[in-house]
Structure formats: structure tokens, C-alpha cells
Protein backbone atom coordinates (compact mmCIF):
# COMPACT_ATOMS: atom_id res chain seq x y z
CA UNK A 1 52.11 -39.74 30.24
CA UNK A 2 53.72 -39.21 27.64
CA UNK A 3 56.34 -36.43 27.79
CA UNK A 4 54.16 -33.52 27.15
CA UNK A 5 55.79 -30.57 25.27
CA UNK A 6 54.94 -26.91 25.66
CA UNK A 7 54.30 -25.23 22.32
CA UNK A 8 54.33 -21.76 20.86
CA UNK A 9 50.73 -20.54 21.04
CA UNK A 10 50.20 -20.77 17.29
CA UNK A 11 50.96 -24.48 17.42
CA UNK A 12 47.82 -25.16 19.47
CA UNK A 13 45.53 -24.05 16.62
CA UNK A 14 44.99 -27.48 15.02
CA UNK A 15 44.22 -29.02 18.42
CA UNK A 16 41.87 -26.20 19.37
CA UNK A 17 39.99 -26.63 16.13
CA UNK A 18 39.57 -30.38 16.56
CA UNK A 19 38.61 -29.79 20.21
CA UNK A 20 35.70 -27.55 19.26
CA UNK A 21 34.39 -29.77 16.49
CA UNK A 22 34.70 -32.85 18.71
CA UNK A 23 32.68 -31.12 21.40
CA UNK A 24 29.88 -30.18 19.01
CA UNK A 25 29.70 -33.78 17.78
CA UNK A 26 29.69 -35.04 21.39
CA UNK A 27 26.79 -32.78 22.34
CA UNK A 28 24.67 -33.96 19.44
CA UNK A 29 25.51 -37.63 19.50
CA UNK A 30 23.69 -40.14 21.71
CA UNK A 31 25.83 -42.21 24.14
CA UNK A 32 25.20 -45.47 22.29
CA UNK A 33 26.11 -44.09 18.86
CA UNK A 34 29.18 -42.35 20.21
CA UNK A 35 30.40 -45.37 22.10
CA UNK A 36 30.06 -47.61 19.09
CA UNK A 37 32.04 -45.22 16.90
CA UNK A 38 34.85 -44.69 19.36
CA UNK A 39 35.14 -48.31 20.44
CA UNK A 40 35.03 -50.52 17.36
CA UNK A 41 35.35 -54.26 17.74
CA UNK A 42 38.96 -55.27 17.12
CA UNK A 43 39.32 -58.18 14.72
CA UNK A 44 42.43 -60.22 14.11
CA UNK A 45 42.46 -60.69 10.37
CA UNK A 46 43.76 -63.74 8.63
CA UNK A 47 47.15 -63.18 6.92
CA UNK A 48 46.59 -61.35 3.68
CA UNK A 49 48.11 -62.16 0.32
CA UNK A 50 50.80 -59.61 -0.52
CA UNK A 51 50.22 -57.92 -3.81
CA UNK A 52 52.98 -58.94 -6.17
CA UNK A 53 53.62 -55.32 -7.12
CA UNK A 54 54.52 -54.23 -3.58
CA UNK A 55 57.34 -55.21 -1.25
CA UNK A 56 55.19 -54.63 1.84
CA UNK A 57 51.58 -54.07 2.81
CA UNK A 58 52.58 -51.21 5.11
CA UNK A 59 55.69 -49.09 5.52
CA UNK A 60 56.01 -46.96 8.65
CA UNK A 61 58.51 -44.10 8.66
CA UNK A 62 59.60 -43.55 12.24
CA UNK A 63 59.82 -46.05 15.11
CA UNK A 64 58.68 -43.82 17.95
CA UNK A 65 55.69 -44.64 20.12
CA UNK A 66 53.28 -43.78 17.28
CA UNK A 67 55.07 -45.78 14.60
CA UNK A 68 55.64 -48.67 16.97
CA UNK A 69 51.95 -48.83 17.90
CA UNK A 70 50.91 -48.65 14.25
CA UNK A 71 53.30 -51.44 13.28
CA UNK A 72 52.14 -53.78 16.05
CA UNK A 73 48.48 -53.19 15.22
CA UNK A 74 49.14 -53.77 11.53
CA UNK A 75 50.75 -57.13 12.32
CA UNK A 76 47.66 -58.12 14.32
CA UNK A 77 45.66 -57.34 11.18
CA UNK A 78 47.76 -59.74 9.15
CA UNK A 79 49.82 -57.15 7.25
CA UNK A 80 53.44 -57.48 6.22
CA UNK A 81 55.15 -54.47 7.80
CA UNK A 82 58.46 -52.65 7.51
CA UNK A 83 59.49 -49.78 9.76
CA UNK A 84 62.22 -47.26 8.97
CA UNK A 85 64.18 -45.59 11.76
CA UNK A 86 67.24 -43.43 11.10
CA UNK A 87 68.07 -42.93 14.79
CA UNK A 88 66.76 -44.86 17.80
CA UNK A 89 63.78 -47.17 18.15
CA UNK A 90 61.43 -45.51 20.60
CA UNK A 91 61.90 -42.02 19.19
CA UNK A 92 61.76 -38.91 21.33
CA UNK A 93 59.49 -40.34 24.03
CA UNK A 94 61.67 -43.29 24.95
CA UNK A 95 65.10 -41.84 24.31
CA UNK A 96 64.81 -38.10 24.97
CA UNK A 97 61.40 -37.48 26.51
CA UNK A 98 58.70 -39.35 28.42
CA UNK A 99 60.74 -42.23 29.74
CA UNK A 100 64.04 -40.67 30.90
CA UNK A 101 62.27 -37.53 32.18
CA UNK A 102 60.04 -39.65 34.40
CA UNK A 103 63.11 -41.44 35.72
CA UNK A 104 64.65 -38.09 36.67
CA UNK A 105 61.38 -36.93 38.23
CA UNK A 106 61.09 -40.15 40.24
CA UNK A 107 64.61 -39.77 41.63
CA UNK A 108 64.21 -36.04 42.28
CA UNK A 109 60.85 -36.69 43.93
CA UNK A 110 62.43 -39.11 46.38
CA UNK A 111 65.07 -36.53 47.24
CA UNK A 112 62.42 -33.81 47.73
CA UNK A 113 60.32 -36.05 49.98
CA UNK A 114 63.25 -37.14 52.13
CA UNK A 115 64.42 -33.54 52.53
CA UNK A 116 60.97 -32.41 53.70
CA UNK A 117 61.59 -32.79 57.43
CA UNK A 118 58.20 -31.37 58.46
CA UNK A 119 56.35 -33.77 56.17
CA UNK A 120 58.24 -36.79 57.51
CA UNK A 121 58.03 -35.63 61.14
CA UNK A 122 54.24 -35.53 60.84
CA UNK A 123 54.37 -39.28 60.17
CA UNK A 124 56.86 -39.94 62.95
CA UNK A 125 59.92 -40.21 60.70
CA UNK A 126 63.23 -38.35 60.91
CA UNK A 127 66.27 -38.59 58.70
CA UNK A 128 69.78 -37.19 58.79
CA UNK A 129 71.20 -35.33 55.81
CA UNK A 130 70.02 -36.56 52.42
CA UNK A 131 72.56 -36.86 49.62
CA UNK A 132 72.31 -37.94 46.00
CA UNK A 133 74.77 -39.07 43.35
CA UNK A 134 74.28 -36.96 40.23
CA UNK A 135 75.80 -39.58 37.95
CA UNK A 136 73.68 -42.27 39.55
CA UNK A 137 70.53 -40.25 38.88
CA UNK A 138 71.62 -39.70 35.27
CA UNK A 139 72.42 -43.40 34.85
CA UNK A 140 68.96 -44.30 36.16
CA UNK A 141 67.40 -42.23 33.37
CA UNK A 142 69.65 -43.49 30.56
CA UNK A 143 69.43 -47.07 31.77
CA UNK A 144 65.65 -47.02 31.77
CA UNK A 145 65.55 -45.49 28.30
CA UNK A 146 67.92 -48.15 27.00
CA UNK A 147 65.85 -50.96 28.50
CA UNK A 148 62.55 -49.67 27.09
CA UNK A 149 64.17 -49.06 23.69
CA UNK A 150 65.42 -52.65 23.62
CA UNK A 151 62.02 -54.01 24.63
CA UNK A 152 60.31 -52.05 21.87
CA UNK A 153 62.75 -53.27 19.22
CA UNK A 154 62.32 -56.86 20.40
CA UNK A 155 58.53 -56.57 20.31
CA UNK A 156 58.73 -55.54 16.65
CA UNK A 157 61.19 -58.17 15.45
CA UNK A 158 59.54 -60.99 17.43
CA UNK A 159 56.32 -60.35 15.49
CA UNK A 160 58.03 -60.29 12.13
CA UNK A 161 58.26 -56.52 11.57
CA UNK A 162 61.35 -55.72 9.51
CA UNK A 163 63.35 -52.81 10.95
CA UNK A 164 65.47 -50.87 8.47
CA UNK A 165 67.98 -48.52 10.05
CA UNK A 166 67.93 -45.85 7.38
CA UNK A 167 66.36 -42.49 6.66
CA UNK A 168 63.30 -42.86 4.45
CA UNK A 169 62.25 -40.37 1.77
CA UNK A 170 59.00 -40.54 -0.15
CA UNK A 171 59.37 -40.73 -3.90
CA UNK A 172 55.64 -41.19 -4.44
CA UNK A 173 52.52 -42.22 -2.55
CA UNK A 174 53.60 -45.88 -2.51
CA UNK A 175 57.37 -45.71 -2.91
CA UNK A 176 60.31 -44.94 -0.64
CA UNK A 177 64.00 -44.29 -1.14
CA UNK A 178 66.25 -45.26 1.77
CA UNK A 179 69.48 -43.56 2.78
CA UNK A 180 71.02 -47.05 2.51
CA UNK A 181 70.72 -46.76 -1.28
CA UNK A 182 67.77 -49.12 -1.64
CA UNK A 183 64.22 -48.43 -2.83
CA UNK A 184 61.04 -49.94 -1.46
CA UNK A 185 57.35 -50.08 -2.30
CA UNK A 186 54.36 -50.45 -0.02
CA UNK A 187 50.63 -50.48 -0.58
CA UNK A 188 50.22 -47.97 2.27
CA UNK A 189 52.64 -45.66 4.08
CA UNK A 190 52.38 -44.08 7.53
CA UNK A 191 54.54 -41.04 8.28
CA UNK A 192 55.56 -40.93 11.95
CA UNK A 193 58.85 -38.97 12.02
CA UNK A 194 58.12 -37.14 15.29
CA UNK A 195 59.50 -33.76 16.32
CA UNK A 196 62.56 -31.91 17.57
CA UNK A 197 62.96 -29.19 20.22
CA UNK A 198 61.93 -25.76 18.94
CA UNK A 199 64.62 -23.12 19.51
CA UNK A 200 63.63 -19.48 18.82
CA UNK A 201 65.90 -17.16 16.88
CA UNK A 202 68.58 -15.46 18.92
CA UNK A 203 69.20 -18.43 21.19
CA UNK A 204 72.54 -20.22 20.82
CA UNK A 205 72.65 -23.83 21.96
CA UNK A 206 76.03 -25.13 23.09
CA UNK A 207 74.70 -28.23 24.93
CA UNK A 208 76.83 -27.32 27.95
CA UNK A 209 75.37 -24.18 29.46
CA UNK A 210 72.47 -23.61 27.06
CA UNK A 211 70.49 -26.70 26.15
CA UNK A 212 67.06 -28.08 25.28
CA UNK A 213 65.27 -30.90 27.08
CA UNK A 214 67.43 -33.32 25.07
CA UNK A 215 70.55 -32.01 26.80
CA UNK A 216 68.90 -31.55 30.19
CA UNK A 217 67.98 -35.24 30.32
CA UNK A 218 71.66 -36.18 30.29
CA UNK A 219 71.98 -34.46 33.69
CA UNK A 220 75.70 -33.81 33.13
CA UNK A 221 75.69 -31.23 35.93
CA UNK A 222 73.31 -29.51 38.32
CA UNK A 223 73.64 -25.72 37.96
CA UNK A 224 73.29 -23.52 41.02
CA UNK A 225 71.03 -21.18 39.04
CA UNK A 226 69.22 -22.21 35.89
CA UNK A 227 66.85 -20.14 33.76
CA UNK A 228 64.06 -22.08 32.07
CA UNK A 229 62.69 -20.37 28.97
CA UNK A 230 59.05 -21.51 28.75
CA UNK A 231 56.77 -22.53 31.62
CA UNK A 232 54.71 -25.22 29.91
CA UNK A 233 54.81 -28.93 30.67
CA UNK A 234 58.50 -29.41 29.89
CA UNK A 235 59.66 -26.36 31.82
CA UNK A 236 57.45 -27.11 34.81
CA UNK A 237 58.66 -30.72 35.08
CA UNK A 238 62.31 -29.68 34.90
CA UNK A 239 61.79 -26.96 37.51
CA UNK A 240 60.58 -29.78 39.77
CA UNK A 241 63.75 -31.78 39.09
CA UNK A 242 66.20 -28.90 39.43
CA UNK A 243 64.77 -27.42 42.64
CA UNK A 244 64.65 -30.87 44.27
CA UNK A 245 68.35 -31.33 43.47
CA UNK A 246 69.30 -27.92 44.87
CA UNK A 247 69.11 -25.45 41.98
CA UNK A 248 67.52 -22.02 41.94
CA UNK A 249 65.21 -21.54 38.95
CA UNK A 250 64.10 -18.47 36.99
CA UNK A 251 61.25 -18.86 34.51
CA UNK A 252 61.11 -16.71 31.38
CA UNK A 253 57.59 -16.79 29.93
CA UNK A 254 56.37 -14.93 26.83
CA UNK A 255 52.71 -14.90 27.90
CA UNK A 256 51.23 -12.85 30.77
CA UNK A 257 50.92 -15.83 33.13
CA UNK A 258 52.92 -18.92 33.98
CA UNK A 259 51.63 -22.30 32.80
CA UNK A 260 49.53 -20.82 29.98
CA UNK A 261 48.31 -24.15 28.61
CA UNK A 262 46.61 -25.22 31.83
CA UNK A 263 43.12 -24.55 33.16
CA UNK A 264 43.40 -21.15 34.92
CA UNK A 265 42.13 -22.42 38.27
CA UNK A 266 44.62 -25.28 38.17
CA UNK A 267 47.41 -22.86 37.19
CA UNK A 268 46.69 -20.68 40.23
CA UNK A 269 46.78 -23.67 42.56
CA UNK A 270 49.90 -25.03 40.84
CA UNK A 271 51.63 -21.70 41.40
CA UNK A 272 50.82 -21.94 45.12
CA UNK A 273 52.08 -25.54 45.34
CA UNK A 274 54.86 -25.79 42.75
CA UNK A 275 56.26 -22.25 42.40
CA UNK A 276 55.81 -20.07 45.49
CA UNK A 277 57.27 -22.45 48.15
CA UNK A 278 60.33 -23.26 46.04
CA UNK A 279 63.46 -21.29 45.07
CA UNK A 280 61.80 -20.07 41.87
CA UNK A 281 61.31 -16.58 40.50
CA UNK A 282 59.92 -15.60 37.13
CA UNK A 283 59.55 -12.98 34.40
CA UNK A 284 56.31 -13.02 32.41
CA UNK A 285 55.25 -11.21 29.25
CA UNK A 286 58.85 -11.14 28.02
CA UNK A 287 60.87 -12.83 25.28
CA UNK A 288 64.41 -14.14 25.62
CA UNK A 289 65.59 -12.24 22.54
CA UNK A 290 69.18 -13.39 22.85
CA UNK A 291 70.81 -16.15 24.89
CA UNK A 292 74.61 -16.34 24.90
CA UNK A 293 76.31 -19.45 26.33
CA UNK A 294 78.83 -19.20 29.14
CA UNK A 295 81.55 -21.39 30.61
CA UNK A 296 80.66 -23.54 33.63
CA UNK A 297 82.23 -22.08 36.77
CA UNK A 298 83.88 -19.23 34.87
CA UNK A 299 81.47 -17.20 32.74
CA UNK A 300 77.69 -16.83 33.11
CA UNK A 301 75.02 -17.38 30.50
CA UNK A 302 73.64 -14.00 29.38
CA UNK A 303 69.91 -13.72 28.65
CA UNK A 304 68.58 -10.51 27.15
CA UNK A 305 64.87 -9.94 27.80
CA UNK A 306 62.52 -7.77 25.75
CA UNK A 307 58.90 -6.82 26.36
CA UNK A 308 56.54 -9.20 24.53
CA UNK A 309 54.43 -6.29 23.30
CA UNK A 310 56.74 -3.36 22.62
CA UNK A 311 59.86 -5.46 21.96
CA UNK A 312 61.83 -2.96 24.03
CA UNK A 313 64.68 -4.22 26.28
CA UNK A 314 63.54 -4.77 29.87
CA UNK A 315 66.26 -6.74 31.69
CA UNK A 316 69.37 -8.90 31.40
CA UNK A 317 69.83 -12.12 33.35
CA UNK A 318 73.15 -13.70 34.28
CA UNK A 319 72.75 -17.37 35.21
CA UNK A 320 74.80 -20.55 35.32
CA UNK A 321 72.71 -22.35 32.70
CA UNK A 322 69.64 -21.92 30.52
CA UNK A 323 67.22 -24.61 29.46
CA UNK A 324 65.12 -23.83 26.40
CA UNK A 325 61.63 -25.31 26.82
CA UNK A 326 59.75 -23.43 24.12
CA UNK A 327 58.00 -26.42 22.59
CA UNK A 328 58.70 -28.82 19.76
CA UNK A 329 58.64 -28.54 15.99
CA UNK A 330 57.58 -31.33 13.59
CA UNK A 331 60.46 -33.12 11.91
CA UNK A 332 59.86 -33.16 8.16
CA UNK A 333 63.39 -32.64 6.80
CA UNK A 334 64.09 -35.03 3.96
CA UNK A 335 60.65 -36.61 4.12
CA UNK A 336 60.00 -35.98 0.42
CA UNK A 337 56.63 -34.29 0.82
CA UNK A 338 57.06 -32.43 -2.46
CA UNK A 339 56.92 -35.77 -4.29
CA UNK A 340 53.26 -36.11 -3.24
CA UNK A 341 52.31 -32.43 -3.70
CA UNK A 342 52.12 -31.66 0.03
CA UNK A 343 52.91 -28.34 1.70
CA UNK A 344 53.23 -28.14 5.46
CA UNK A 345 50.98 -25.79 7.44
CA UNK A 346 52.99 -23.94 10.12
CA UNK A 347 55.42 -26.84 9.74
CA UNK A 348 52.83 -29.60 10.22
CA UNK A 349 51.72 -32.18 7.67
CA UNK A 350 47.98 -31.61 7.03
CA UNK A 351 45.71 -34.61 7.55
CA UNK A 352 41.99 -35.32 7.63
CA UNK A 353 40.20 -36.91 10.61
CA UNK A 354 41.19 -40.40 9.45
CA UNK A 355 44.89 -39.44 9.38
CA UNK A 356 45.03 -39.36 5.57
CA UNK A 357 47.56 -36.81 4.32
CA UNK A 358 46.01 -33.93 2.39
CA UNK A 359 47.83 -32.25 -0.53
CA UNK A 360 48.22 -28.53 -1.20
CA UNK A 361 44.98 -28.49 -3.20
CA UNK A 362 42.97 -30.00 -0.35
CA UNK A 363 42.76 -33.47 -1.86
CA UNK A 364 43.20 -36.63 0.21
CA UNK A 365 46.27 -38.59 -0.87
CA UNK A 366 45.27 -42.22 -1.02
CA UNK A 367 47.58 -44.66 0.78
CA UNK A 368 49.56 -42.00 2.74
CA UNK A 369 48.87 -41.24 6.42
CA UNK A 370 50.62 -39.03 9.01
CA UNK A 371 50.45 -39.56 12.76
CA UNK A 372 51.86 -38.08 15.94
CA UNK A 373 53.78 -34.85 16.40
CA UNK A 374 54.21 -34.34 12.67
CA UNK A 375 50.50 -33.63 12.12
CA UNK A 376 50.20 -31.29 15.12
CA UNK A 377 46.77 -32.42 16.27
CA UNK A 378 47.92 -33.31 19.77
CA UNK A 379 51.62 -33.62 20.55
CA UNK A 380 51.49 -36.49 23.03
CA UNK A 381 53.05 -39.93 22.70
CA UNK A 382 49.86 -41.80 23.56
CA UNK A 383 47.92 -39.64 21.09
CA UNK A 384 50.42 -40.67 18.41
CA UNK A 385 49.86 -44.32 19.28
CA UNK A 386 46.08 -43.89 19.12
CA UNK A 387 46.39 -42.17 15.75
CA UNK A 388 48.60 -44.98 14.45
CA UNK A 389 46.08 -47.62 15.47
CA UNK A 390 43.30 -45.52 13.93
CA UNK A 391 45.22 -45.20 10.65
CA UNK A 392 45.68 -48.97 10.48
CA UNK A 393 41.97 -49.47 11.15
CA UNK A 394 41.20 -47.22 8.19
CA UNK A 395 43.82 -48.91 6.02
CA UNK A 396 42.21 -52.28 6.69
CA UNK A 397 38.69 -51.07 5.95
CA UNK A 398 37.43 -50.43 9.49
CA UNK A 399 36.44 -46.76 9.52
CA UNK A 400 37.77 -45.07 12.65
CA UNK A 401 38.28 -41.54 13.99
CA UNK A 402 40.21 -40.57 17.15
CA UNK A 403 38.24 -38.27 19.45
CA UNK A 404 41.05 -36.00 20.62
CA UNK A 405 38.73 -34.36 23.13
CA UNK A 406 38.90 -37.52 25.25
CA UNK A 407 42.69 -37.99 25.13
CA UNK A 408 44.15 -37.23 28.59
CA UNK A 409 47.41 -35.44 29.37
CA UNK A 410 49.54 -35.14 32.48
CA UNK A 411 52.43 -33.19 33.97
CA UNK A 412 54.52 -35.31 36.33
CA UNK A 413 55.46 -32.71 38.91
CA UNK A 414 55.09 -33.25 42.67
CA UNK A 415 52.14 -33.12 43.01
CA UNK A 416 51.04 -34.16 39.54
CA UNK A 417 48.66 -32.32 37.21
CA UNK A 418 46.35 -34.02 34.72
CA UNK A 419 43.54 -33.04 32.41
CA UNK A 420 41.16 -34.20 29.71
CA UNK A 421 38.71 -32.25 27.59
CA UNK A 422 37.97 -28.54 27.79
CA UNK A 423 39.36 -25.96 30.19
CA UNK A 424 36.81 -23.93 32.13
CA UNK A 425 37.01 -20.87 29.82
CA UNK A 426 36.58 -23.11 26.76
CA UNK A 427 33.68 -24.94 28.42
CA UNK A 428 31.96 -21.63 29.19
CA UNK A 429 32.30 -20.65 25.54
CA UNK A 430 30.91 -24.03 24.44
CA UNK A 431 27.96 -23.63 26.82
CA UNK A 432 27.23 -20.19 25.42
CA UNK A 433 27.42 -21.43 21.82
CA UNK A 434 25.45 -24.59 22.56
CA UNK A 435 22.78 -22.93 24.66
CA UNK A 436 23.18 -25.15 27.72
CA UNK A 437 24.05 -24.52 31.37
CA UNK A 438 27.58 -25.40 32.44
CA UNK A 439 28.00 -27.37 35.64
CA UNK A 440 31.11 -27.52 37.81
CA UNK A 441 31.90 -29.79 40.75
CA UNK A 442 35.08 -30.18 42.80
CA UNK A 443 36.47 -33.05 44.84
CA UNK A 444 39.16 -32.24 47.43
CA UNK A 445 42.23 -34.26 48.35
CA UNK A 446 42.05 -32.76 51.85
CA UNK A 447 38.82 -34.75 52.37
CA UNK A 448 40.35 -38.02 51.14
CA UNK A 449 41.54 -40.55 53.74
CA UNK A 450 44.27 -42.05 51.53
CA UNK A 451 45.70 -38.64 50.61
CA UNK A 452 45.75 -37.64 54.28
CA UNK A 453 47.45 -40.92 55.20
CA UNK A 454 50.19 -40.00 52.71
CA UNK A 455 50.39 -36.46 54.08
CA UNK A 456 49.35 -35.19 50.64
CA UNK A 457 46.11 -33.32 51.22
CA UNK A 458 46.78 -30.52 48.71
CA UNK A 459 44.86 -30.58 45.46
CA UNK A 460 41.50 -30.79 43.75
CA UNK A 461 39.66 -32.67 41.00
CA UNK A 462 37.40 -30.39 38.97
CA UNK A 463 34.65 -31.74 36.73
CA UNK A 464 32.98 -29.58 34.06
CA UNK A 465 29.74 -30.91 32.62
CA UNK A 466 26.60 -30.12 30.65
CA UNK A 467 23.81 -29.72 33.21
CA UNK A 468 21.16 -30.51 30.61
CA UNK A 469 22.35 -34.04 29.81
CA UNK A 470 25.15 -34.81 32.27
CA UNK A 471 27.85 -35.07 29.58
CA UNK A 472 31.36 -34.53 30.92
CA UNK A 473 33.16 -31.75 29.06
CA UNK A 474 36.45 -31.66 30.93
CA UNK A 475 38.23 -32.83 34.07
CA UNK A 476 41.27 -31.18 35.67
CA UNK A 477 43.20 -32.63 38.59
CA UNK A 478 46.14 -31.46 40.66
CA UNK A 479 47.24 -33.72 43.48
CA UNK A 480 49.06 -36.93 44.33
CA UNK A 481 48.83 -39.47 41.48
CA UNK A 482 46.67 -37.16 39.37
CA UNK A 483 48.11 -38.75 36.21
CA UNK A 484 46.58 -42.11 37.17
CA UNK A 485 43.27 -40.69 38.36
CA UNK A 486 42.51 -38.94 35.06
CA UNK A 487 42.10 -42.23 33.19
CA UNK A 488 38.72 -43.03 34.74
CA UNK A 489 37.46 -39.65 33.54
CA UNK A 490 38.96 -40.02 30.07
CA UNK A 491 37.37 -43.43 29.61
CA UNK A 492 34.03 -42.11 30.85
CA UNK A 493 34.13 -39.28 28.33
CA UNK A 494 35.10 -41.65 25.51
CA UNK A 495 32.20 -43.96 26.35
CA UNK A 496 29.69 -41.15 26.80
CA UNK A 497 29.20 -41.94 30.49
CA UNK A 498 27.39 -39.12 32.33
CA UNK A 499 28.03 -37.61 35.76
CA UNK A 500 24.70 -39.13 36.86
CA UNK A 501 25.94 -42.62 35.97
CA UNK A 502 29.39 -42.13 37.51
CA UNK A 503 27.86 -40.83 40.74
CA UNK A 504 26.47 -44.32 41.37
CA UNK A 505 29.70 -46.18 40.50
CA UNK A 506 31.40 -47.79 43.49
CA UNK A 507 34.94 -46.67 44.34
CA UNK A 508 37.27 -48.61 46.61
CA UNK A 509 37.73 -47.18 50.11
CA UNK A 510 40.15 -45.83 51.10
CA UNK A 511 41.71 -44.86 47.76
CA UNK A 512 42.51 -41.66 45.91
CA UNK A 513 39.81 -42.56 43.38
CA UNK A 514 37.28 -41.31 45.92
CA UNK A 515 38.35 -37.76 45.05
CA UNK A 516 36.73 -38.39 41.65
CA UNK A 517 33.76 -40.02 43.36
CA UNK A 518 33.25 -36.90 45.50
CA UNK A 519 33.34 -34.65 42.42
CA UNK A 520 30.86 -36.80 40.49
CA UNK A 521 28.46 -37.08 43.42
CA UNK A 522 28.70 -33.35 43.97
CA UNK A 523 27.76 -32.79 40.33
CA UNK A 524 24.34 -34.35 40.92
CA UNK A 525 23.75 -33.05 44.44
CA UNK A 526 24.75 -36.19 46.31
CA UNK A 527 26.95 -36.17 49.41
CA UNK A 528 30.13 -38.24 49.43
CA UNK A 529 30.80 -39.99 52.75
């Protein structure tokens, strides 16, 4: 998965809006029409003749996962492409997010598993003391990021994409000024500048004792006691890393419950599996109004907590370190949006469903597109890539719209959590508005032979569906390899496949995929063997 950020609640508004409209369209559209719209035939175009008045057919600002995907797809369409990157190819995901965080989680997961004597003893295995090398773990993460970054850069240059290492600023809808002093023109421009960690007021970052996920990924030390401000995807993944490596964790969450972005039933099970058995405590419904850095081994970090409602002081925490995991903010500094009459909305660049940028008067700006974190529709690396491909389709005359309701997400804890579509409360609301009966079916890992063979019987796969027509509205999984299992469900939703059809699909035995099979069969009253 992409490295999935937690966001301030207001930042979910664009996604929630697209979610609801996507659902209404899905309920009205027939499977064949929907499938054809979401899965257009991909054509490799013959090389096009560059217009003499432009330097490039397409300029992409930002070489993260979204910009990279857009550039590669544009090349396959025969376009001459340039990509601007002021920092590192690969962007946040590769250098400071998805890739290095998964390396840390993989290493920490091995340590956690080898330290679980009861789990190993049940399979007839015993180990002596388990040790890890902090620097070795950190090097594993940075080394992987470096390798993937290099591979991405090579994939661009090998296909003829020009990479310009400079900051790009729009000077018009088809013109760019580079920080290298040069100017460029392009028939079309895609904005893909990404995002940066969001740090609330009152929090001082020193990158030693108080840091964001960017600093945490360096793994320069493992604090005995670390407070994590924010219990979304980022915070939850790092709690998994820190507790596996020996830290005590305290969550500070502004909302009434931990893991506010998850399906409530999954959150309750996640608390039982990922919070309660581990050295983790938490404060909910409070803000960290002030965070003052300390000195490692000498002076603690001071965190002042206030009530989320009354704003009155409620407590003060003294910890070794604090990680700020309060979401991410779109990076638009120096982008030159004023040159095309664009105002951001809560920091995001407004776009229509085809990724065209929209100006302050509500008019589509021809030839300018914005993808990924900067448009706020769904802050996931693979969503950015899908949006980039979609934008190129539209640029080259193949009308395309990304259905964000079928884009999956995952949290790479141990066990993993994954989801696609609506949560149960949102599905109930949709059923009420749409006048249909909501169905719910659950598959259990404890009934799965492969999960039991691994000693990983905790978890469920929950399917939410329209009982009237069998349409899948959402799937939520917590359990071993949940991030891989969600893809079958995401693809089924994108293709309009119903629970009735999936119930008769054959799943390999014994595999974890049979957890999904059980849930789909249960949805139509069939028994899974």
C-alpha cells in the first residue's frame, strides 16, 4: 500500500463527497456499462508530431508515484514528456513514506514474531534471546528506498523522459519557469507536487526528540517511551514498529476513539489485537496544545494536553520522544497557482472528475491537471498513480474517470488491516437514502486452514452489499496478509461483480483467499467447506 496518512477530519471532506456520488452512480449503473467505463481499452498510440510552438507535449511537476505513473503512461501514448523534480525521484512514498516504512515494519515484524515464545512454541519452535541492530534496521529502510528511487529514475530515462532537477513554477496554463533559470512550454501540464507532514500549531519539531514520520523513518534511536500524536494509519503503523523494538507508546488522539478513520467494527477488533496486548496507553478527545522538545537521556519532551471540547488543560505528559502523526498537507508553495487564477480549497487544488484544475470562478482550466495528494481526493500513492494515468487518458482524447470508491487502502500492522468502499455506518446511510436493504457477511480467519497453520487465526473479512442486486459496497479485513486479500474485492467492485457471482468463484485450497470465499458464500446463504 501505499503509505497511508492520517488526516485532520476536515481533510476527508473531498473524499467523502466523491465516495457518496460514486456510490449513487454505482447503484444506478448496470455492470456492463460500469465495467466498460472503468476499464477502457488501452491503446499504444503512434508517436505524435510535436507542435512547433511547444517544447514538450506534457510536462509533469513532481516525480513521485503519481507523476512517475503519469509520465510512463504518456510515453506509451507517444507523447514527448518532461518531468520536474526539485528533491528526490519517488517523492514521499519512496523516500519518506510507503517504501521505507514497510521496510521498518518488516524488520520489526520479524522481531515481534521471534520474541513471541508462546506463538513459536505452539509450532514446536524455541529460540534464545532475540536481538536486533538498530542501525542495521535503519539501513534496511534507507537502502530499500535508495534502490527503488534509482529504479524509478532509470525507468523514466530509459523511455526517453527528460528529468529536470529544478523547482517548477507555473507562469501560465502552458508555460513553466524553472528554478534553474530556464523557461519551458508544454501543450499540457500535470501538477503532482505531493504533500508534507502536517504539524499543528504549538508543536515544535526539533527532529531529535520531536519529529514527524519523515524523522521517524531514519530510526536514529529507539526511545524507551514515545508519544504518538494521532492514531490514524501513520501512528498505528509506527506504534507497531516501536513496541516490537521495545518502546512504550502513548497515543494522543483528538477524536473520542482511536483509529477514527477505520470501520468501527474493525477498530474495536484492532484495539483488541494491536493496542490492548501491547505496552500502549492512550488519551482520547484531547489535543496536544503544546509540545516542547527535550534532550535525549537528559530532559524529557513535555506535552500539554487540553480537552478537545472545552479547550481546558487536562494533563501533562513527560516522555522521551514524540512523533507527530496528524496527517499531511498538500505542497503548493511556489507552484504559481495565481498565474492561472486558482485558489486552493482547505489547501487543496480543486479539480473536476477528470483531474482538470478548476479556477476560482469554477471554470475548468484547459491543459492543466492536478493529481495525487495535492488535490485531496484520496491521499494514497496508488490513487495518485491511477489519477495520473486517468489524466493522460483524458489528455489523449480517451475520456476516463477514476472511481475512488473502488480504490483499496491498507495499514501494514501485524496483523494487517485493509479496506475498500464504504464503512458500515456509511453503507447504512446509503441504504437508507437509496431505499435498499443492506447485507453483511463475515469470513473468519479462525476457520481458515492456512491461517491456522501460520498460527494467525485472529481476524475477519467483512463484506457489505446491496441485498437487492448483490452489489458490493465495501469490504473490511483485519488479519494476516489483509493488504493482499483486499485486491480481489477491489477488482470485483471495479468490475461490478456481485456477491452472487463471487460466491461461485473457485479459490485455491488451502489459502487465505478462502476467508473471502467464506464471506461471499455467506452473503448468499451458501456454506463454505
